Amino acid sequence: MSEITMKLKEISESLNDEAIAFAQKLIQTPSISGNERDVADLLIAEMEKLGYDQVFRDDMGNVVGIVEGSKEGPTIMYNSHLDHVSPGDANNWEGYNPYGGEIDICAVDDQDGNSDQAECIHGRAASDVKGGEAAQVYAGAVLLKLKEEGYDFKGNYMFTGVVQEEPAEMVGMVHLIDQTFKEKGLTYDAMVSSEATSLKLYCGHRGRVEMLATVYGRTSHGSAPWLGINAIYKSMPLIAKIKDELYPSLPEDEHLGQASLSLNIIECSPGALSIVPDKCMLSIDRRTIPGESAETALKEIEGLIEEIAAEDDEFKADVKVKSAVETSYMGREYEVDKEMYPWKISENHPFLQAAASALEELGEPVKYGYWDFGTDASKTAGIDKKPTIGYSPMQEQYAHTPYDKVRTDFLKRAMVGNAAIYLKVVEAGEEAFEELEW
């Protein structure tokens, strides 16, 4: 083990208790999407206390902290989101307060999902993403102490906490990169996400497109349905084609799995018992793989609509990508399409290999994986094509559940792991920051 690796472990061990206490504070601070101000304040105060070289909040409410190396070099963004989903019914939490941040020894899974016992912090967002967030903030603290002790390293360690990730429109991340970074003259060369990975290195995920197909009819009185055209009935052939023809034909990626499609909401209008509906709206969740896009997904549904219309003169329908208006706690408003991009990084990419080498030097097992869900990496990797990975102490199976928790031993390992990854990748050379291809 090298001298600097030994020093990293020594410094990290000295900060373990503080990092765990900070994770508790984060969990004890509610921050449902659109209401992240208190947790943003907490993060800013903590990074200022730790001595980050730059700390600021942008006009969207995103939080940024930067640890500056002593030499010029790449900027690695370590990213978490500030928001979390509702805790739901508190009665389902089996004695834990969703915002309690209690610590105890409990049944939990190990790195490979096998049954184990470990010390855990309980509460909403412990596994999505406040456990990982604490590990990232305190990895910066490790680097600060390393610098204080006279060790030189290059580049910039940049922590970013973004708003409104959970609604899945990337609005906080897009504003941060496309607006805030440009205004402040900042750039980034690669990103490490804190989304749950069980200490594995995650290499990608499918994209997501939310579509709305509307089938049209004509109203009549419910007592005389023959005078109208029932939009619900007219939607049935489209539903059947989506389920029986389109879904089974979707392509598959060797790493990310099969593209998928799910019809999740059906609504009708006017929606009164005595009126034959003249609109039936189908909300479709489409998961895409590299090579697919919102445009290709729309064309698939449009093709089915054309097939049915060719056989039924009364059939009329259209489809579009859904949109939403998101307003941040700072009052900044965006209307955004509900689309997230698929992406992956090759396990042979120099950035990923440098990260793996860093973990190996710590004595950590190196394993790879891919997320089932989407993340804000759809912006950094899917759009910007920057090298992106996931590395986190949190475990995916506990996210959004009333069993939400994070292992304290994993949090400690992730803190030193994040710092080691940073030091290794900034020395990896220009090839480590080559644009992603798939």
Protein backbone atom coordinates (compact mmCIF):
# COMPACT_ATOMS: atom_id res chain seq x y z
CA MET A 1 0.00 0.00 0.00
CA SER A 2 1.44 3.38 -1.03
CA GLU A 3 2.21 6.15 1.45
CA ILE A 4 -0.61 8.37 0.17
CA THR A 5 -3.12 5.50 0.34
CA MET A 6 -2.14 4.83 3.94
CA LYS A 7 -2.49 8.55 4.69
CA LEU A 8 -5.94 8.63 3.08
CA LYS A 9 -7.10 5.76 5.29
CA GLU A 10 -5.66 7.40 8.38
CA ILE A 11 -7.37 10.74 7.67
CA SER A 12 -10.66 9.07 6.78
CA GLU A 13 -10.71 7.11 10.02
CA SER A 14 -10.26 10.35 11.95
CA LEU A 15 -13.36 11.79 10.21
CA ASN A 16 -15.64 8.74 10.40
CA ASP A 17 -17.65 9.89 13.41
CA GLU A 18 -18.21 13.35 11.93
CA ALA A 19 -19.32 11.90 8.59
CA ILE A 20 -21.84 9.59 10.27
CA ALA A 21 -23.19 12.42 12.42
CA PHE A 22 -23.57 14.57 9.30
CA ALA A 23 -25.45 11.78 7.50
CA GLN A 24 -27.82 11.68 10.47
CA LYS A 25 -28.39 15.45 10.24
CA LEU A 26 -29.13 15.19 6.52
CA ILE A 27 -31.68 12.43 7.12
CA GLN A 28 -33.26 14.39 9.95
CA THR A 29 -33.80 17.34 7.59
CA PRO A 30 -36.89 16.88 5.36
CA SER A 31 -36.27 17.91 1.74
CA ILE A 32 -39.12 16.73 -0.47
CA SER A 33 -38.74 17.95 -4.08
CA GLY A 34 -39.30 21.70 -4.31
CA ASN A 35 -38.62 22.18 -0.59
CA GLU A 36 -34.87 21.61 -0.31
CA ARG A 37 -33.84 24.92 1.26
CA ASP A 38 -33.14 23.54 4.76
CA VAL A 39 -30.93 20.72 3.54
CA ALA A 40 -29.14 23.12 1.15
CA ASP A 41 -28.44 25.41 4.12
CA LEU A 42 -27.11 22.43 6.07
CA LEU A 43 -24.76 21.41 3.27
CA ILE A 44 -23.44 24.94 2.80
CA ALA A 45 -22.78 25.32 6.53
CA GLU A 46 -20.98 21.96 6.71
CA MET A 47 -18.72 22.63 3.73
CA GLU A 48 -17.86 26.09 5.09
CA LYS A 49 -17.05 24.54 8.47
CA LEU A 50 -14.83 21.93 6.82
CA GLY A 51 -12.93 24.63 4.92
CA TYR A 52 -13.93 24.05 1.29
CA ASP A 53 -12.17 26.63 -0.89
CA GLN A 54 -15.39 27.71 -2.60
CA VAL A 55 -19.00 27.23 -1.44
CA PHE A 56 -22.04 28.78 -3.09
CA ARG A 57 -25.72 28.37 -3.96
CA ASP A 58 -27.02 29.21 -7.44
CA ASP A 59 -30.31 30.88 -8.38
CA MET A 60 -31.97 27.48 -8.84
CA GLY A 61 -31.06 26.44 -5.29
CA ASN A 62 -28.30 24.00 -6.25
CA VAL A 63 -25.30 23.84 -3.89
CA VAL A 64 -21.63 23.70 -4.96
CA GLY A 65 -18.47 23.16 -2.93
CA ILE A 66 -14.97 23.04 -4.41
CA VAL A 67 -11.69 21.75 -2.98
CA GLU A 68 -8.86 23.18 -5.05
CA GLY A 69 -5.71 21.18 -5.68
CA SER A 70 -2.30 22.84 -5.56
CA LYS A 71 -1.74 22.25 -9.28
CA GLU A 72 -3.87 22.73 -12.39
CA GLY A 73 -5.80 19.71 -13.54
CA PRO A 74 -9.22 18.29 -14.33
CA THR A 75 -12.37 19.00 -12.34
CA ILE A 76 -14.22 15.92 -11.13
CA MET A 77 -17.82 16.55 -10.16
CA TYR A 78 -19.14 14.43 -7.30
CA ASN A 79 -22.90 14.72 -7.54
CA SER A 80 -25.84 14.10 -5.23
CA HIS A 81 -29.39 15.40 -5.25
CA LEU A 82 -30.98 17.35 -2.42
CA ASP A 83 -34.54 16.08 -2.69
CA HIS A 84 -36.27 12.88 -1.68
CA VAL A 85 -39.65 11.23 -2.13
CA SER A 86 -42.40 11.29 0.48
CA PRO A 87 -41.91 8.91 3.42
CA GLY A 88 -45.48 7.66 2.93
CA ASP A 89 -47.45 6.19 5.84
CA ALA A 90 -45.28 6.42 8.97
CA ASN A 91 -46.98 3.28 10.32
CA ASN A 92 -45.09 1.22 7.73
CA TRP A 93 -41.71 2.17 9.18
CA GLU A 94 -41.68 -0.59 11.83
CA GLY A 95 -40.84 1.63 14.78
CA TYR A 96 -38.45 4.00 13.04
CA ASN A 97 -39.16 7.70 12.60
CA PRO A 98 -38.77 8.50 8.87
CA TYR A 99 -36.83 11.61 9.88
CA GLY A 100 -35.24 10.18 13.02
CA GLY A 101 -31.83 9.18 11.73
CA GLU A 102 -31.63 6.46 14.41
CA ILE A 103 -28.61 4.16 14.49
CA ASP A 104 -28.78 0.49 15.49
CA ILE A 105 -27.60 -2.98 14.54
CA CYS A 106 -30.10 -4.61 12.22
CA ALA A 107 -30.62 -7.16 9.46
CA VAL A 108 -29.28 -5.82 6.19
CA ASP A 109 -27.82 -7.03 2.90
CA ASP A 110 -24.13 -7.24 2.13
CA GLN A 111 -22.48 -5.93 -1.05
CA ASP A 112 -23.93 -8.83 -3.08
CA GLY A 113 -27.41 -8.84 -1.55
CA ASN A 114 -26.80 -11.66 0.92
CA SER A 115 -28.25 -11.51 4.44
CA ASP A 116 -26.03 -9.78 7.01
CA GLN A 117 -26.05 -7.83 10.27
CA ALA A 118 -24.58 -4.33 10.43
CA GLU A 119 -24.88 -0.92 12.04
CA CYS A 120 -27.26 1.25 10.01
CA ILE A 121 -28.71 4.75 9.96
CA HIS A 122 -32.46 4.64 9.34
CA GLY A 123 -34.76 7.18 7.71
CA ARG A 124 -36.11 8.57 4.48
CA ALA A 125 -33.37 9.23 1.91
CA ALA A 126 -30.72 7.26 3.83
CA SER A 127 -30.35 5.18 0.66
CA ASP A 128 -31.41 7.86 -1.84
CA VAL A 129 -29.16 9.78 -1.50
CA LYS A 130 -28.18 11.26 1.86
CA GLY A 131 -25.85 8.46 2.91
CA GLY A 132 -23.92 8.85 -0.34
CA GLU A 133 -24.12 12.63 -0.07
CA ALA A 134 -22.41 12.59 3.34
CA ALA A 135 -19.69 10.31 1.95
CA GLN A 136 -19.05 12.71 -0.93
CA VAL A 137 -18.94 15.85 1.22
CA TYR A 138 -16.54 14.18 3.64
CA ALA A 139 -14.36 12.83 0.85
CA GLY A 140 -13.73 16.50 0.15
CA ALA A 141 -12.83 16.94 3.82
CA VAL A 142 -10.31 14.09 3.49
CA LEU A 143 -8.65 15.89 0.58
CA LEU A 144 -8.58 19.16 2.52
CA LYS A 145 -6.76 17.52 5.40
CA LEU A 146 -4.40 15.83 2.97
CA LYS A 147 -3.58 19.26 1.54
CA GLU A 148 -3.07 20.69 5.04
CA GLU A 149 -0.49 17.98 5.72
CA GLY A 150 1.54 19.06 2.70
CA TYR A 151 0.49 16.54 0.09
CA ASP A 152 0.14 18.04 -3.39
CA PHE A 153 -2.58 16.99 -5.78
CA LYS A 154 -3.94 18.59 -8.91
CA GLY A 155 -7.34 19.50 -10.23
CA ASN A 156 -10.57 20.39 -8.43
CA TYR A 157 -12.83 18.19 -6.34
CA MET A 158 -16.31 19.61 -6.91
CA PHE A 159 -19.30 18.52 -4.84
CA THR A 160 -22.68 19.44 -6.33
CA GLY A 161 -26.05 18.98 -4.66
CA VAL A 162 -28.86 19.55 -7.14
CA VAL A 163 -32.56 20.18 -6.67
CA GLN A 164 -35.52 18.25 -8.01
CA GLU A 165 -33.93 15.04 -9.26
CA GLU A 166 -36.81 12.86 -8.11
CA PRO A 167 -39.38 14.24 -10.61
CA ALA A 168 -36.98 12.86 -13.29
CA GLU A 169 -36.61 15.83 -15.59
CA MET A 170 -32.96 16.64 -14.69
CA VAL A 171 -34.02 20.26 -14.18
CA GLY A 172 -31.57 21.02 -11.37
CA MET A 173 -28.61 19.35 -13.07
CA VAL A 174 -29.32 20.95 -16.46
CA HIS A 175 -29.56 24.41 -14.92
CA LEU A 176 -26.36 23.88 -12.94
CA ILE A 177 -24.28 22.82 -15.94
CA ASP A 178 -25.83 24.89 -18.73
CA GLN A 179 -26.46 28.10 -16.79
CA THR A 180 -24.56 28.32 -13.51
CA PHE A 181 -21.27 26.84 -14.71
CA LYS A 182 -21.25 29.13 -17.75
CA GLU A 183 -22.02 32.21 -15.66
CA LYS A 184 -19.24 31.41 -13.19
CA GLY A 185 -16.69 30.22 -15.73
CA LEU A 186 -16.68 26.68 -14.37
CA THR A 187 -16.29 23.41 -16.25
CA TYR A 188 -16.21 19.75 -15.34
CA ASP A 189 -14.37 16.84 -16.93
CA ALA A 190 -16.12 13.81 -15.43
CA MET A 191 -18.78 12.92 -12.87
CA VAL A 192 -19.17 10.45 -10.00
CA SER A 193 -22.78 9.93 -8.92
CA SER A 194 -23.73 9.07 -5.34
CA GLU A 195 -26.83 7.10 -6.39
CA ALA A 196 -27.00 3.67 -4.76
CA THR A 197 -24.41 1.12 -5.95
CA SER A 198 -23.54 -1.03 -2.87
CA LEU A 199 -19.88 0.08 -3.22
CA LYS A 200 -19.74 -1.23 -6.78
CA LEU A 201 -18.77 0.89 -9.77
CA TYR A 202 -21.91 1.49 -11.82
CA CYS A 203 -21.59 1.99 -15.54
CA GLY A 204 -24.92 3.15 -16.96
CA HIS A 205 -28.67 2.88 -17.12
CA ARG A 206 -31.56 2.98 -19.57
CA GLY A 207 -33.28 6.21 -20.52
CA ARG A 208 -36.88 7.12 -19.89
CA VAL A 209 -39.55 8.79 -22.01
CA GLU A 210 -43.03 9.53 -20.66
CA MET A 211 -45.57 9.68 -23.47
CA LEU A 212 -49.23 10.60 -23.59
CA ALA A 213 -51.37 8.94 -26.24
CA THR A 214 -54.83 10.46 -26.64
CA VAL A 215 -57.62 8.57 -28.40
CA TYR A 216 -60.58 10.71 -29.54
CA GLY A 217 -64.28 9.95 -29.68
CA ARG A 218 -67.55 11.89 -29.47
CA THR A 219 -69.73 12.50 -26.45
CA SER A 220 -73.35 11.45 -26.09
CA HIS A 221 -75.69 10.85 -23.18
CA GLY A 222 -74.86 7.70 -21.26
CA SER A 223 -78.40 6.49 -21.83
CA ALA A 224 -77.87 6.58 -25.60
CA PRO A 225 -74.26 5.41 -26.17
CA TRP A 226 -75.01 4.57 -29.82
CA LEU A 227 -75.15 8.32 -30.53
CA GLY A 228 -71.54 8.84 -29.48
CA ILE A 229 -68.11 7.32 -30.11
CA ASN A 230 -66.70 5.92 -26.87
CA ALA A 231 -63.02 6.89 -26.66
CA ILE A 232 -62.34 4.17 -24.09
CA TYR A 233 -63.53 1.44 -26.45
CA LYS A 234 -61.62 3.05 -29.31
CA SER A 235 -58.43 2.89 -27.24
CA MET A 236 -58.66 -0.87 -26.74
CA PRO A 237 -57.04 -1.89 -30.06
CA LEU A 238 -54.16 0.51 -29.38
CA ILE A 239 -53.67 -0.91 -25.89
CA ALA A 240 -53.66 -4.43 -27.32
CA LYS A 241 -51.06 -3.55 -29.96
CA ILE A 242 -48.84 -1.85 -27.38
CA LYS A 243 -48.97 -4.89 -25.11
CA ASP A 244 -48.93 -7.76 -27.60
CA GLU A 245 -46.97 -6.39 -30.56
CA LEU A 246 -44.74 -3.46 -29.59
CA TYR A 247 -43.47 -4.51 -26.17
CA PRO A 248 -42.26 -7.99 -27.23
CA SER A 249 -40.43 -6.48 -30.22
CA LEU A 250 -38.34 -3.95 -28.27
CA PRO A 251 -34.54 -4.27 -28.55
CA GLU A 252 -32.09 -5.37 -25.87
CA ASP A 253 -28.69 -4.07 -24.77
CA GLU A 254 -26.10 -6.57 -23.56
CA HIS A 255 -25.38 -4.50 -20.45
CA LEU A 256 -28.54 -2.51 -19.75
CA GLY A 257 -31.06 -5.20 -20.57
CA GLN A 258 -34.21 -4.95 -22.61
CA ALA A 259 -35.92 -1.72 -23.51
CA SER A 260 -39.34 -1.76 -21.90
CA LEU A 261 -42.75 -0.17 -22.05
CA SER A 262 -45.50 0.09 -19.45
CA LEU A 263 -48.98 1.59 -19.70
CA ASN A 264 -49.36 3.02 -16.19
CA ILE A 265 -52.29 5.49 -16.19
CA ILE A 266 -55.61 5.54 -18.08
CA GLU A 267 -57.87 8.58 -17.79
CA CYS A 268 -60.93 9.74 -19.69
CA SER A 269 -62.72 12.99 -20.32
CA PRO A 270 -65.23 14.46 -19.53
CA GLY A 271 -65.15 11.75 -16.83
CA ALA A 272 -68.81 11.82 -15.78
CA LEU A 273 -70.97 8.72 -15.37
CA SER A 274 -73.74 9.89 -17.68
CA ILE A 275 -71.48 11.04 -20.54
CA VAL A 276 -69.81 8.86 -23.16
CA PRO A 277 -66.16 9.99 -23.06
CA ASP A 278 -64.69 11.77 -26.06
CA LYS A 279 -61.06 11.43 -24.90
CA CYS A 280 -59.09 8.53 -23.47
CA MET A 281 -55.57 9.38 -22.31
CA LEU A 282 -52.91 6.68 -21.99
CA SER A 283 -49.76 7.52 -20.00
CA ILE A 284 -46.87 5.35 -21.19
CA ASP A 285 -43.53 4.79 -19.44
CA ARG A 286 -40.94 3.83 -22.08
CA ARG A 287 -37.42 2.81 -21.02
CA THR A 288 -34.89 3.27 -23.80
CA ILE A 289 -31.45 1.84 -24.56
CA PRO A 290 -28.60 3.49 -26.51
CA GLY A 291 -29.68 4.02 -30.11
CA GLU A 292 -33.24 4.88 -29.07
CA SER A 293 -34.68 8.31 -28.31
CA ALA A 294 -37.94 10.08 -27.61
CA GLU A 295 -38.33 10.54 -31.35
CA THR A 296 -37.98 6.82 -32.13
CA ALA A 297 -40.30 5.91 -29.26
CA LEU A 298 -42.96 8.32 -30.55
CA LYS A 299 -42.68 6.91 -34.08
CA GLU A 300 -43.39 3.42 -32.78
CA ILE A 301 -46.70 4.52 -31.23
CA GLU A 302 -47.53 6.65 -34.26
CA GLY A 303 -47.05 3.57 -36.44
CA LEU A 304 -49.59 1.63 -34.38
CA ILE A 305 -52.05 4.53 -34.59
CA GLU A 306 -51.70 4.61 -38.39
CA GLU A 307 -52.30 0.86 -38.63
CA ILE A 308 -55.53 1.08 -36.64
CA ALA A 309 -56.74 4.20 -38.47
CA ALA A 310 -56.27 2.41 -41.81
CA GLU A 311 -58.81 -0.21 -40.67
CA ASP A 312 -61.22 2.04 -38.73
CA ASP A 313 -62.41 5.35 -40.21
CA GLU A 314 -63.66 6.49 -36.80
CA PHE A 315 -60.32 5.95 -35.04
CA LYS A 316 -58.42 9.15 -34.29
CA ALA A 317 -55.45 9.44 -31.93
CA ASP A 318 -52.14 11.21 -31.39
CA VAL A 319 -49.14 10.85 -29.11
CA LYS A 320 -46.63 13.30 -27.61
CA VAL A 321 -43.87 13.45 -25.01
CA LYS A 322 -45.29 14.64 -21.70
CA SER A 323 -43.98 17.81 -20.12
CA ALA A 324 -44.08 19.32 -16.66
CA VAL A 325 -43.51 22.69 -15.02
CA GLU A 326 -40.99 22.51 -12.17
CA THR A 327 -40.52 25.41 -9.74
CA SER A 328 -37.53 25.37 -7.39
CA TYR A 329 -37.55 26.56 -3.79
CA MET A 330 -35.78 29.69 -5.09
CA GLY A 331 -38.76 30.41 -7.37
CA ARG A 332 -36.99 29.49 -10.62
CA GLU A 333 -39.47 27.89 -13.06
CA TYR A 334 -38.88 25.58 -16.00
CA GLU A 335 -41.18 23.74 -18.38
CA VAL A 336 -39.35 20.56 -19.36
CA ASP A 337 -40.02 17.45 -21.41
CA LYS A 338 -40.19 14.22 -19.43
CA GLU A 339 -37.24 12.56 -21.13
CA MET A 340 -34.03 11.11 -19.72
CA TYR A 341 -31.24 9.74 -21.90
CA PRO A 342 -29.72 6.24 -21.86
CA TRP A 343 -25.96 5.92 -21.43
CA LYS A 344 -23.15 3.58 -20.50
CA ILE A 345 -19.40 3.69 -20.04
CA SER A 346 -17.23 0.82 -21.22
CA GLU A 347 -15.62 -1.21 -18.46
CA ASN A 348 -12.39 -0.64 -20.43
CA HIS A 349 -12.68 3.16 -20.41
CA PRO A 350 -9.55 4.69 -18.81
CA PHE A 351 -11.60 6.77 -16.35
CA LEU A 352 -13.39 3.70 -15.02
CA GLN A 353 -10.19 1.69 -14.95
CA ALA A 354 -8.47 4.43 -12.94
CA ALA A 355 -11.36 4.38 -10.45
CA ALA A 356 -11.10 0.59 -10.19
CA SER A 357 -7.34 0.84 -9.60
CA ALA A 358 -7.94 3.29 -6.75
CA LEU A 359 -10.29 0.87 -5.01
CA GLU A 360 -7.90 -2.03 -5.53
CA GLU A 361 -5.12 -0.08 -3.82
CA LEU A 362 -7.42 0.40 -0.83
CA GLY A 363 -8.01 -3.35 -0.71
CA GLU A 364 -11.62 -2.96 -1.83
CA PRO A 365 -13.25 -5.57 -4.07
CA VAL A 366 -13.95 -4.15 -7.53
CA LYS A 367 -17.31 -5.08 -9.00
CA TYR A 368 -19.37 -3.48 -11.75
CA GLY A 369 -23.08 -2.94 -12.19
CA TYR A 370 -25.86 -0.99 -13.90
CA TRP A 371 -28.87 0.82 -12.48
CA ASP A 372 -32.44 -0.24 -13.18
CA PHE A 373 -33.66 3.32 -12.56
CA GLY A 374 -32.62 6.62 -14.14
CA THR A 375 -30.36 9.30 -12.64
CA ASP A 376 -29.10 12.80 -13.39
CA ALA A 377 -26.19 11.10 -15.15
CA SER A 378 -28.52 11.25 -18.16
CA LYS A 379 -27.27 14.84 -18.44
CA THR A 380 -23.54 14.33 -17.83
CA ALA A 381 -23.17 11.08 -19.80
CA GLY A 382 -26.27 10.88 -22.00
CA ILE A 383 -26.16 14.46 -23.28
CA ASP A 384 -22.70 15.86 -22.48
CA LYS A 385 -20.94 12.51 -23.13
CA LYS A 386 -18.59 13.09 -20.17
CA PRO A 387 -17.05 10.07 -18.42
CA THR A 388 -19.51 9.19 -15.66
CA ILE A 389 -19.71 6.44 -13.06
CA GLY A 390 -21.68 5.64 -9.94
CA TYR A 391 -20.01 4.85 -6.61
CA SER A 392 -21.95 4.86 -3.37
CA PRO A 393 -22.40 3.21 0.05
CA MET A 394 -26.18 3.07 -0.43
CA GLN A 395 -28.12 0.02 -1.56
CA GLU A 396 -30.73 0.20 -4.30
CA GLN A 397 -33.19 -2.24 -2.73
CA TYR A 398 -33.92 0.13 0.17
CA ALA A 399 -34.59 3.25 -1.90
CA HIS A 400 -38.13 4.68 -1.65
CA THR A 401 -39.17 1.98 0.85
CA PRO A 402 -40.11 2.18 4.55
CA TYR A 403 -36.94 0.12 5.20
CA ASP A 404 -34.75 3.01 4.04
CA LYS A 405 -31.27 2.77 5.63
CA VAL A 406 -27.56 3.01 4.97
CA ARG A 407 -24.79 0.91 6.49
CA THR A 408 -22.29 2.97 8.49
CA ASP A 409 -19.41 0.66 7.53
CA PHE A 410 -20.26 1.18 3.85
CA LEU A 411 -20.42 4.95 4.39
CA LYS A 412 -16.91 4.93 5.89
CA ARG A 413 -15.55 2.84 3.01
CA ALA A 414 -17.20 5.11 0.44
CA MET A 415 -15.73 8.24 1.98
CA VAL A 416 -12.14 7.06 1.57
CA GLY A 417 -13.07 5.37 -1.72
CA ASN A 418 -14.32 8.64 -3.20
CA ALA A 419 -11.13 10.45 -2.19
CA ALA A 420 -8.93 7.67 -3.58
CA ILE A 421 -10.84 7.63 -6.87
CA TYR A 422 -10.35 11.38 -7.21
CA LEU A 423 -6.61 11.23 -6.66
CA LYS A 424 -6.21 8.40 -9.13
CA VAL A 425 -8.36 9.76 -11.97
CA VAL A 426 -6.84 13.26 -11.97
CA GLU A 427 -3.45 11.61 -12.63
CA ALA A 428 -4.78 9.24 -15.30
CA GLY A 429 -4.00 11.38 -18.34
CA GLU A 430 -6.10 12.97 -21.07
CA GLU A 431 -7.42 9.62 -22.37
CA ALA A 432 -9.37 9.20 -19.11
CA PHE A 433 -11.55 12.14 -20.12
CA GLU A 434 -12.34 11.09 -23.67
CA GLU A 435 -15.96 11.52 -24.76
CA LEU A 436 -18.19 8.52 -24.17
CA GLU A 437 -19.24 6.33 -27.07
CA TRP A 438 -21.68 3.45 -27.26
